[in-house]
Amino acid sequence: MITDPLLLSIKLATVVSALLFLIGIPLAGWLSVTRLRWKFLIEAIVALPIVLPPTVLGYYILVSISPNSFLGSMYLNVFGSALPFSFPGLVVASILYSLPFAVQPFLAGFESVDRRLSEAAWTLGASRLKTFLTIVIPSSIPGLITGGVLSFAHTLGEFGVVLLVGGNIPGSTQVVSISIYDQVQALEYEQAGQTALTLLVFSFFVLSLVYATNRKVWTVWPKNS
C-alpha cells in the first residue's frame, strides 16, 4: 500500500477540519439565532455540495481560484504561486466541499440547547458572545464532535473535487482516493484492495464513533416519527 498519498490525505483532512471549526462555528452560531427572512438562502448555499455533483463543484472552484480570477490573482501576487494544482488549492476546495458536514451538525447542536439558559444569562448581564462561548458551545459538544469527525472523514475520502482542482501530482496533490484510482487503472488490484480496505475500516470506525457520541447526529436520511 502506498503510504504517501494516505499521509497527504490525513494532513489535508486535519487542516480542513481545523479550519472548518473556525469557519463553521461562527456561521452555525449565526444561523441558530438569526431571524432574517432570507436565512434559508444561506442554508441552501451551505448544503449545496451535498446534492451538487463533485465535478460541477470542482469546475466552479477551479475557475474561481484560477490565476485569471480575483481570488487566484490575489493569491498569486501575495504568495508567488497559483492555487490550482497545489496543496493550498486542495484545502480551499475541500473546505467548500465538506462545509455542510461541519455546519449542519454544529447547527443542530446549537439549536438543541435550551434557549431559556441563554435568556437567563442575558438577564444576568452576560453579552450574547459570552453566553455563546460559556453556555451554548459547552452544551453542544456532541454536535461539535460530530461535525469535526464527519468533515474529517468526508475530506479523507473525497475524489472528484480534489482531482479537478489538485490534479494527480505525487507528493503534492495525489491523495489516497486518487491513488486507489491509479492502482486500479494499472491493474494493481491487490494494492488497491488494501488501500480501499483501510478507508473502509476507518470510515466504519468514524461513523460508529459519531453515532455512539451523539444519537441525534445530523444525517441526510429523514428520521421516522
C-alpha atoms as a PDB file:
ATOM      1  CA  MET A   1       0.000   0.000   0.000  1.00  0.00           C
ATOM      2  CA  ILE A   2       1.282   3.451  -0.901  1.00  0.00           C
ATOM      3  CA  THR A   3       1.708   5.449   2.309  1.00  0.00           C
ATOM      4  CA  ASP A   4       2.493   8.914   0.934  1.00  0.00           C
ATOM      5  CA  PRO A   5      -1.000   9.564  -0.508  1.00  0.00           C
ATOM      6  CA  LEU A   6      -2.558   8.345   2.748  1.00  0.00           C
ATOM      7  CA  LEU A   7      -0.378  10.667   4.816  1.00  0.00           C
ATOM      8  CA  LEU A   8      -1.200  13.541   2.460  1.00  0.00           C
ATOM      9  CA  SER A   9      -4.916  12.777   2.820  1.00  0.00           C
ATOM     10  CA  ILE A  10      -4.639  12.741   6.625  1.00  0.00           C
ATOM     11  CA  LYS A  11      -2.768  16.046   6.534  1.00  0.00           C
ATOM     12  CA  LEU A  12      -5.409  17.556   4.241  1.00  0.00           C
ATOM     13  CA  ALA A  13      -8.300  16.281   6.370  1.00  0.00           C
ATOM     14  CA  THR A  14      -6.684  17.586   9.564  1.00  0.00           C
ATOM     15  CA  VAL A  15      -6.088  21.074   8.146  1.00  0.00           C
ATOM     16  CA  VAL A  16      -9.567  21.264   6.622  1.00  0.00           C
ATOM     17  CA  SER A  17     -11.289  20.065   9.816  1.00  0.00           C
ATOM     18  CA  ALA A  18      -9.434  22.643  11.897  1.00  0.00           C
ATOM     19  CA  LEU A  19     -10.357  25.461   9.504  1.00  0.00           C
ATOM     20  CA  LEU A  20     -13.974  24.277   9.367  1.00  0.00           C
ATOM     21  CA  PHE A  21     -14.168  24.693  13.146  1.00  0.00           C
ATOM     22  CA  LEU A  22     -13.040  28.298  12.753  1.00  0.00           C
ATOM     23  CA  ILE A  23     -15.473  28.940   9.877  1.00  0.00           C
ATOM     24  CA  GLY A  24     -18.348  26.646  10.774  1.00  0.00           C
ATOM     25  CA  ILE A  25     -18.883  27.506  14.437  1.00  0.00           C
ATOM     26  CA  PRO A  26     -19.494  31.257  13.870  1.00  0.00           C
ATOM     27  CA  LEU A  27     -21.608  30.513  10.788  1.00  0.00           C
ATOM     28  CA  ALA A  28     -23.719  27.887  12.563  1.00  0.00           C
ATOM     29  CA  GLY A  29     -23.999  30.134  15.617  1.00  0.00           C
ATOM     30  CA  TRP A  30     -25.332  32.959  13.477  1.00  0.00           C
ATOM     31  CA  LEU A  31     -27.778  30.676  11.678  1.00  0.00           C
ATOM     32  CA  SER A  32     -29.086  29.377  15.013  1.00  0.00           C
ATOM     33  CA  VAL A  33     -30.113  32.834  16.241  1.00  0.00           C
ATOM     34  CA  THR A  34     -30.810  34.960  13.174  1.00  0.00           C
ATOM     35  CA  ARG A  35     -34.402  35.749  12.277  1.00  0.00           C
ATOM     36  CA  LEU A  36     -33.666  37.096   8.806  1.00  0.00           C
ATOM     37  CA  ARG A  37     -36.234  36.034   6.239  1.00  0.00           C
ATOM     38  CA  TRP A  38     -33.547  35.104   3.703  1.00  0.00           C
ATOM     39  CA  LYS A  39     -31.797  32.775   6.128  1.00  0.00           C
ATOM     40  CA  PHE A  40     -32.947  29.825   4.015  1.00  0.00           C
ATOM     41  CA  LEU A  41     -30.798  31.067   1.131  1.00  0.00           C
ATOM     42  CA  ILE A  42     -27.644  30.820   3.257  1.00  0.00           C
ATOM     43  CA  GLU A  43     -28.684  27.367   4.458  1.00  0.00           C
ATOM     44  CA  ALA A  44     -29.247  26.276   0.843  1.00  0.00           C
ATOM     45  CA  ILE A  45     -25.812  27.551  -0.205  1.00  0.00           C
ATOM     46  CA  VAL A  46     -24.135  25.726   2.685  1.00  0.00           C
ATOM     47  CA  ALA A  47     -25.946  22.478   1.833  1.00  0.00           C
ATOM     48  CA  LEU A  48     -25.344  22.752  -1.929  1.00  0.00           C
ATOM     49  CA  PRO A  49     -22.252  20.463  -2.004  1.00  0.00           C
ATOM     50  CA  ILE A  50     -24.419  17.596  -0.730  1.00  0.00           C
ATOM     51  CA  VAL A  51     -26.510  17.470  -3.921  1.00  0.00           C
ATOM     52  CA  LEU A  52     -24.178  19.097  -6.444  1.00  0.00           C
ATOM     53  CA  PRO A  53     -22.042  16.656  -8.493  1.00  0.00           C
ATOM     54  CA  PRO A  54     -18.394  16.879  -7.343  1.00  0.00           C
ATOM     55  CA  THR A  55     -17.236  17.514 -10.904  1.00  0.00           C
ATOM     56  CA  VAL A  56     -19.544  20.529 -11.197  1.00  0.00           C
ATOM     57  CA  LEU A  57     -18.444  21.916  -7.839  1.00  0.00           C
ATOM     58  CA  GLY A  58     -14.804  21.218  -8.669  1.00  0.00           C
ATOM     59  CA  TYR A  59     -15.101  23.011 -12.003  1.00  0.00           C
ATOM     60  CA  TYR A  60     -16.505  26.182 -10.462  1.00  0.00           C
ATOM     61  CA  ILE A  61     -13.917  26.119  -7.689  1.00  0.00           C
ATOM     62  CA  LEU A  62     -11.158  25.671 -10.267  1.00  0.00           C
ATOM     63  CA  VAL A  63     -12.438  28.642 -12.264  1.00  0.00           C
ATOM     64  CA  SER A  64     -12.852  30.821  -9.159  1.00  0.00           C
ATOM     65  CA  ILE A  65      -9.272  30.213  -7.925  1.00  0.00           C
ATOM     66  CA  SER A  66      -7.534  30.314 -11.314  1.00  0.00           C
ATOM     67  CA  PRO A  67      -4.845  32.993 -11.820  1.00  0.00           C
ATOM     68  CA  ASN A  68      -7.322  34.886 -14.025  1.00  0.00           C
ATOM     69  CA  SER A  69      -9.841  35.247 -11.194  1.00  0.00           C
ATOM     70  CA  PHE A  70      -9.765  37.896  -8.462  1.00  0.00           C
ATOM     71  CA  LEU A  71      -9.024  35.402  -5.666  1.00  0.00           C
ATOM     72  CA  GLY A  72      -6.489  33.468  -7.716  1.00  0.00           C
ATOM     73  CA  SER A  73      -4.630  36.537  -8.926  1.00  0.00           C
ATOM     74  CA  MET A  74      -4.518  37.981  -5.413  1.00  0.00           C
ATOM     75  CA  TYR A  75      -3.075  34.731  -4.040  1.00  0.00           C
ATOM     76  CA  LEU A  76      -0.557  34.631  -6.891  1.00  0.00           C
ATOM     77  CA  ASN A  77       0.593  38.185  -6.176  1.00  0.00           C
ATOM     78  CA  VAL A  78       0.963  37.552  -2.441  1.00  0.00           C
ATOM     79  CA  PHE A  79       2.489  34.061  -2.405  1.00  0.00           C
ATOM     80  CA  GLY A  80       4.048  33.842  -5.857  1.00  0.00           C
ATOM     81  CA  SER A  81       2.319  30.592  -6.787  1.00  0.00           C
ATOM     82  CA  ALA A  82      -1.029  29.572  -8.224  1.00  0.00           C
ATOM     83  CA  LEU A  83      -3.773  27.905  -6.194  1.00  0.00           C
ATOM     84  CA  PRO A  84      -4.857  25.270  -8.747  1.00  0.00           C
ATOM     85  CA  PHE A  85      -2.892  22.001  -8.646  1.00  0.00           C
ATOM     86  CA  SER A  86      -1.382  22.786  -5.259  1.00  0.00           C
ATOM     87  CA  PHE A  87      -1.990  21.712  -1.668  1.00  0.00           C
ATOM     88  CA  PRO A  88      -3.452  25.111  -0.650  1.00  0.00           C
ATOM     89  CA  GLY A  89      -5.851  24.769  -3.580  1.00  0.00           C
ATOM     90  CA  LEU A  90      -6.915  21.369  -2.246  1.00  0.00           C
ATOM     91  CA  VAL A  91      -7.562  22.965   1.151  1.00  0.00           C
ATOM     92  CA  VAL A  92      -9.820  25.646  -0.363  1.00  0.00           C
ATOM     93  CA  ALA A  93     -11.750  23.093  -2.419  1.00  0.00           C
ATOM     94  CA  SER A  94     -12.086  20.663   0.486  1.00  0.00           C
ATOM     95  CA  ILE A  95     -13.394  23.374   2.825  1.00  0.00           C
ATOM     96  CA  LEU A  96     -16.189  24.207   0.391  1.00  0.00           C
ATOM     97  CA  TYR A  97     -16.923  20.547  -0.315  1.00  0.00           C
ATOM     98  CA  SER A  98     -17.056  19.488   3.359  1.00  0.00           C
ATOM     99  CA  LEU A  99     -18.693  22.652   4.712  1.00  0.00           C
ATOM    100  CA  PRO A 100     -22.209  21.176   5.198  1.00  0.00           C
ATOM    101  CA  PHE A 101     -20.800  18.155   7.012  1.00  0.00           C
ATOM    102  CA  ALA A 102     -19.463  20.518   9.677  1.00  0.00           C
ATOM    103  CA  VAL A 103     -22.020  23.338   9.736  1.00  0.00           C
ATOM    104  CA  GLN A 104     -25.184  21.235   9.890  1.00  0.00           C
ATOM    105  CA  PRO A 105     -24.127  19.142  12.928  1.00  0.00           C
ATOM    106  CA  PHE A 106     -22.876  22.333  14.607  1.00  0.00           C
ATOM    107  CA  LEU A 107     -26.213  23.997  13.905  1.00  0.00           C
ATOM    108  CA  ALA A 108     -28.180  21.003  15.201  1.00  0.00           C
ATOM    109  CA  GLY A 109     -26.127  21.090  18.390  1.00  0.00           C
ATOM    110  CA  PHE A 110     -26.659  24.810  18.943  1.00  0.00           C
ATOM    111  CA  GLU A 111     -30.391  24.596  18.285  1.00  0.00           C
ATOM    112  CA  SER A 112     -30.747  21.738  20.779  1.00  0.00           C
ATOM    113  CA  VAL A 113     -29.589  23.967  23.661  1.00  0.00           C
ATOM    114  CA  ASP A 114     -32.476  25.167  25.820  1.00  0.00           C
ATOM    115  CA  ARG A 115     -32.998  28.816  24.887  1.00  0.00           C
ATOM    116  CA  ARG A 116     -34.066  29.559  28.445  1.00  0.00           C
ATOM    117  CA  LEU A 117     -30.460  29.078  29.564  1.00  0.00           C
ATOM    118  CA  SER A 118     -29.302  31.800  27.179  1.00  0.00           C
ATOM    119  CA  GLU A 119     -32.142  34.098  28.188  1.00  0.00           C
ATOM    120  CA  ALA A 120     -31.262  33.623  31.873  1.00  0.00           C
ATOM    121  CA  ALA A 121     -27.649  34.562  31.145  1.00  0.00           C
ATOM    122  CA  TRP A 122     -28.786  37.680  29.277  1.00  0.00           C
ATOM    123  CA  THR A 123     -30.930  38.812  32.201  1.00  0.00           C
ATOM    124  CA  LEU A 124     -27.876  38.456  34.446  1.00  0.00           C
ATOM    125  CA  GLY A 125     -25.941  40.840  32.235  1.00  0.00           C
ATOM    126  CA  ALA A 126     -23.944  38.425  30.069  1.00  0.00           C
ATOM    127  CA  SER A 127     -23.369  39.521  26.489  1.00  0.00           C
ATOM    128  CA  ARG A 128     -24.531  37.372  23.591  1.00  0.00           C
ATOM    129  CA  LEU A 129     -20.925  36.480  22.759  1.00  0.00           C
ATOM    130  CA  LYS A 130     -20.133  35.455  26.334  1.00  0.00           C
ATOM    131  CA  THR A 131     -23.357  33.433  26.512  1.00  0.00           C
ATOM    132  CA  PHE A 132     -22.477  31.677  23.272  1.00  0.00           C
ATOM    133  CA  LEU A 133     -18.946  30.860  24.444  1.00  0.00           C
ATOM    134  CA  THR A 134     -19.781  29.817  28.009  1.00  0.00           C
ATOM    135  CA  ILE A 135     -23.215  28.194  27.654  1.00  0.00           C
ATOM    136  CA  VAL A 136     -24.095  27.291  24.065  1.00  0.00           C
ATOM    137  CA  ILE A 137     -20.766  25.832  22.956  1.00  0.00           C
ATOM    138  CA  PRO A 138     -20.144  23.708  26.099  1.00  0.00           C
ATOM    139  CA  SER A 139     -23.705  22.379  25.811  1.00  0.00           C
ATOM    140  CA  SER A 140     -23.158  21.476  22.147  1.00  0.00           C
ATOM    141  CA  ILE A 141     -20.027  19.326  22.463  1.00  0.00           C
ATOM    142  CA  PRO A 142     -21.625  16.206  20.889  1.00  0.00           C
ATOM    143  CA  GLY A 143     -22.657  18.225  17.830  1.00  0.00           C
ATOM    144  CA  LEU A 144     -19.182  19.759  17.557  1.00  0.00           C
ATOM    145  CA  ILE A 145     -17.567  16.327  17.764  1.00  0.00           C
ATOM    146  CA  THR A 146     -19.954  15.026  15.126  1.00  0.00           C
ATOM    147  CA  GLY A 147     -19.200  17.889  12.742  1.00  0.00           C
ATOM    148  CA  GLY A 148     -15.461  17.603  13.244  1.00  0.00           C
ATOM    149  CA  VAL A 149     -15.352  13.847  12.721  1.00  0.00           C
ATOM    150  CA  LEU A 150     -17.708  13.857   9.731  1.00  0.00           C
ATOM    151  CA  SER A 151     -15.825  16.662   7.977  1.00  0.00           C
ATOM    152  CA  PHE A 152     -12.508  14.848   8.597  1.00  0.00           C
ATOM    153  CA  ALA A 153     -13.823  11.565   7.188  1.00  0.00           C
ATOM    154  CA  HIS A 154     -15.547  13.261   4.251  1.00  0.00           C
ATOM    155  CA  THR A 155     -12.369  15.106   3.301  1.00  0.00           C
ATOM    156  CA  LEU A 156     -10.291  11.959   3.651  1.00  0.00           C
ATOM    157  CA  GLY A 157     -12.362  10.094   1.065  1.00  0.00           C
ATOM    158  CA  GLU A 158     -13.179  12.802  -1.487  1.00  0.00           C
ATOM    159  CA  PHE A 159     -12.247  12.202  -5.116  1.00  0.00           C
ATOM    160  CA  GLY A 160     -13.925  14.266  -7.828  1.00  0.00           C
ATOM    161  CA  VAL A 161     -13.322  17.724  -6.408  1.00  0.00           C
ATOM    162  CA  VAL A 162      -9.689  17.118  -5.465  1.00  0.00           C
ATOM    163  CA  LEU A 163      -8.954  15.529  -8.851  1.00  0.00           C
ATOM    164  CA  LEU A 164     -10.278  18.555 -10.753  1.00  0.00           C
ATOM    165  CA  VAL A 165      -8.718  21.185  -8.500  1.00  0.00           C
ATOM    166  CA  GLY A 166      -5.488  19.449  -7.499  1.00  0.00           C
ATOM    167  CA  GLY A 167      -4.795  17.071 -10.335  1.00  0.00           C
ATOM    168  CA  ASN A 168      -2.703  13.995  -9.661  1.00  0.00           C
ATOM    169  CA  ILE A 169       0.745  15.176  -8.617  1.00  0.00           C
ATOM    170  CA  PRO A 170       2.596  12.584  -6.467  1.00  0.00           C
ATOM    171  CA  GLY A 171       3.716  14.004  -3.136  1.00  0.00           C
ATOM    172  CA  SER A 172       1.765  17.226  -3.676  1.00  0.00           C
ATOM    173  CA  THR A 173      -1.875  16.614  -4.593  1.00  0.00           C
ATOM    174  CA  GLN A 174      -2.158  12.828  -5.047  1.00  0.00           C
ATOM    175  CA  VAL A 175      -4.464  11.907  -2.176  1.00  0.00           C
ATOM    176  CA  VAL A 176      -5.396   8.350  -1.251  1.00  0.00           C
ATOM    177  CA  SER A 177      -8.633   8.203  -3.276  1.00  0.00           C
ATOM    178  CA  ILE A 178      -6.769   9.191  -6.445  1.00  0.00           C
ATOM    179  CA  SER A 179      -4.064   6.666  -5.578  1.00  0.00           C
ATOM    180  CA  ILE A 180      -6.684   3.904  -5.496  1.00  0.00           C
ATOM    181  CA  TYR A 181      -7.944   5.020  -8.907  1.00  0.00           C
ATOM    182  CA  ASP A 182      -4.384   4.891 -10.305  1.00  0.00           C
ATOM    183  CA  GLN A 183      -3.822   1.430  -8.853  1.00  0.00           C
ATOM    184  CA  VAL A 184      -6.986   0.105 -10.459  1.00  0.00           C
ATOM    185  CA  GLN A 185      -6.056   1.694 -13.789  1.00  0.00           C
ATOM    186  CA  ALA A 186      -2.655  -0.013 -13.545  1.00  0.00           C
ATOM    187  CA  LEU A 187      -4.363  -3.357 -12.730  1.00  0.00           C
ATOM    188  CA  GLU A 188      -2.726  -3.370  -9.291  1.00  0.00           C
ATOM    189  CA  TYR A 189      -5.829  -4.805  -7.662  1.00  0.00           C
ATOM    190  CA  GLU A 190      -4.104  -6.157  -4.565  1.00  0.00           C
ATOM    191  CA  GLN A 191      -2.666  -2.777  -3.604  1.00  0.00           C
ATOM    192  CA  ALA A 192      -5.942  -1.061  -4.450  1.00  0.00           C
ATOM    193  CA  GLY A 193      -7.806  -3.563  -2.281  1.00  0.00           C
ATOM    194  CA  GLN A 194      -5.513  -2.962   0.681  1.00  0.00           C
ATOM    195  CA  THR A 195      -5.859   0.806   0.416  1.00  0.00           C
ATOM    196  CA  ALA A 196      -9.625   0.614  -0.059  1.00  0.00           C
ATOM    197  CA  LEU A 197      -9.968  -1.727   2.928  1.00  0.00           C
ATOM    198  CA  THR A 198      -8.070   0.747   5.093  1.00  0.00           C
ATOM    199  CA  LEU A 199     -10.515   3.516   4.160  1.00  0.00           C
ATOM    200  CA  LEU A 200     -13.492   1.191   4.660  1.00  0.00           C
ATOM    201  CA  VAL A 201     -12.418   0.227   8.170  1.00  0.00           C
ATOM    202  CA  PHE A 202     -11.632   3.817   9.050  1.00  0.00           C
ATOM    203  CA  SER A 203     -14.979   5.083   7.716  1.00  0.00           C
ATOM    204  CA  PHE A 204     -16.869   2.436   9.699  1.00  0.00           C
ATOM    205  CA  PHE A 205     -14.950   3.388  12.856  1.00  0.00           C
ATOM    206  CA  VAL A 206     -15.698   7.073  12.294  1.00  0.00           C
ATOM    207  CA  LEU A 207     -19.433   6.534  11.826  1.00  0.00           C
ATOM    208  CA  SER A 208     -19.573   4.234  14.856  1.00  0.00           C
ATOM    209  CA  LEU A 209     -17.861   6.917  16.930  1.00  0.00           C
ATOM    210  CA  VAL A 210     -20.272   9.576  15.678  1.00  0.00           C
ATOM    211  CA  TYR A 211     -23.415   7.591  16.423  1.00  0.00           C
ATOM    212  CA  ALA A 212     -22.079   6.440  19.788  1.00  0.00           C
ATOM    213  CA  THR A 213     -21.273  10.033  20.745  1.00  0.00           C
ATOM    214  CA  ASN A 214     -24.493  11.645  19.619  1.00  0.00           C
ATOM    215  CA  ARG A 215     -27.714   9.772  18.965  1.00  0.00           C
ATOM    216  CA  LYS A 216     -29.181  12.918  17.370  1.00  0.00           C
ATOM    217  CA  VAL A 217     -26.447  13.241  14.777  1.00  0.00           C
ATOM    218  CA  TRP A 218     -27.391  15.064  11.593  1.00  0.00           C
ATOM    219  CA  THR A 219     -27.733  12.806   8.575  1.00  0.00           C
ATOM    220  CA  VAL A 220     -29.047  13.161   5.061  1.00  0.00           C
ATOM    221  CA  TRP A 221     -31.613  10.474   5.835  1.00  0.00           C
ATOM    222  CA  PRO A 222     -35.007  11.538   7.238  1.00  0.00           C
ATOM    223  CA  LYS A 223     -35.971  10.033  10.560  1.00  0.00           C
ATOM    224  CA  ASN A 224     -39.230   8.230  11.091  1.00  0.00           C
ATOM    225  CA  SER A 225     -41.524   9.995  13.516  1.00  0.00           C
END
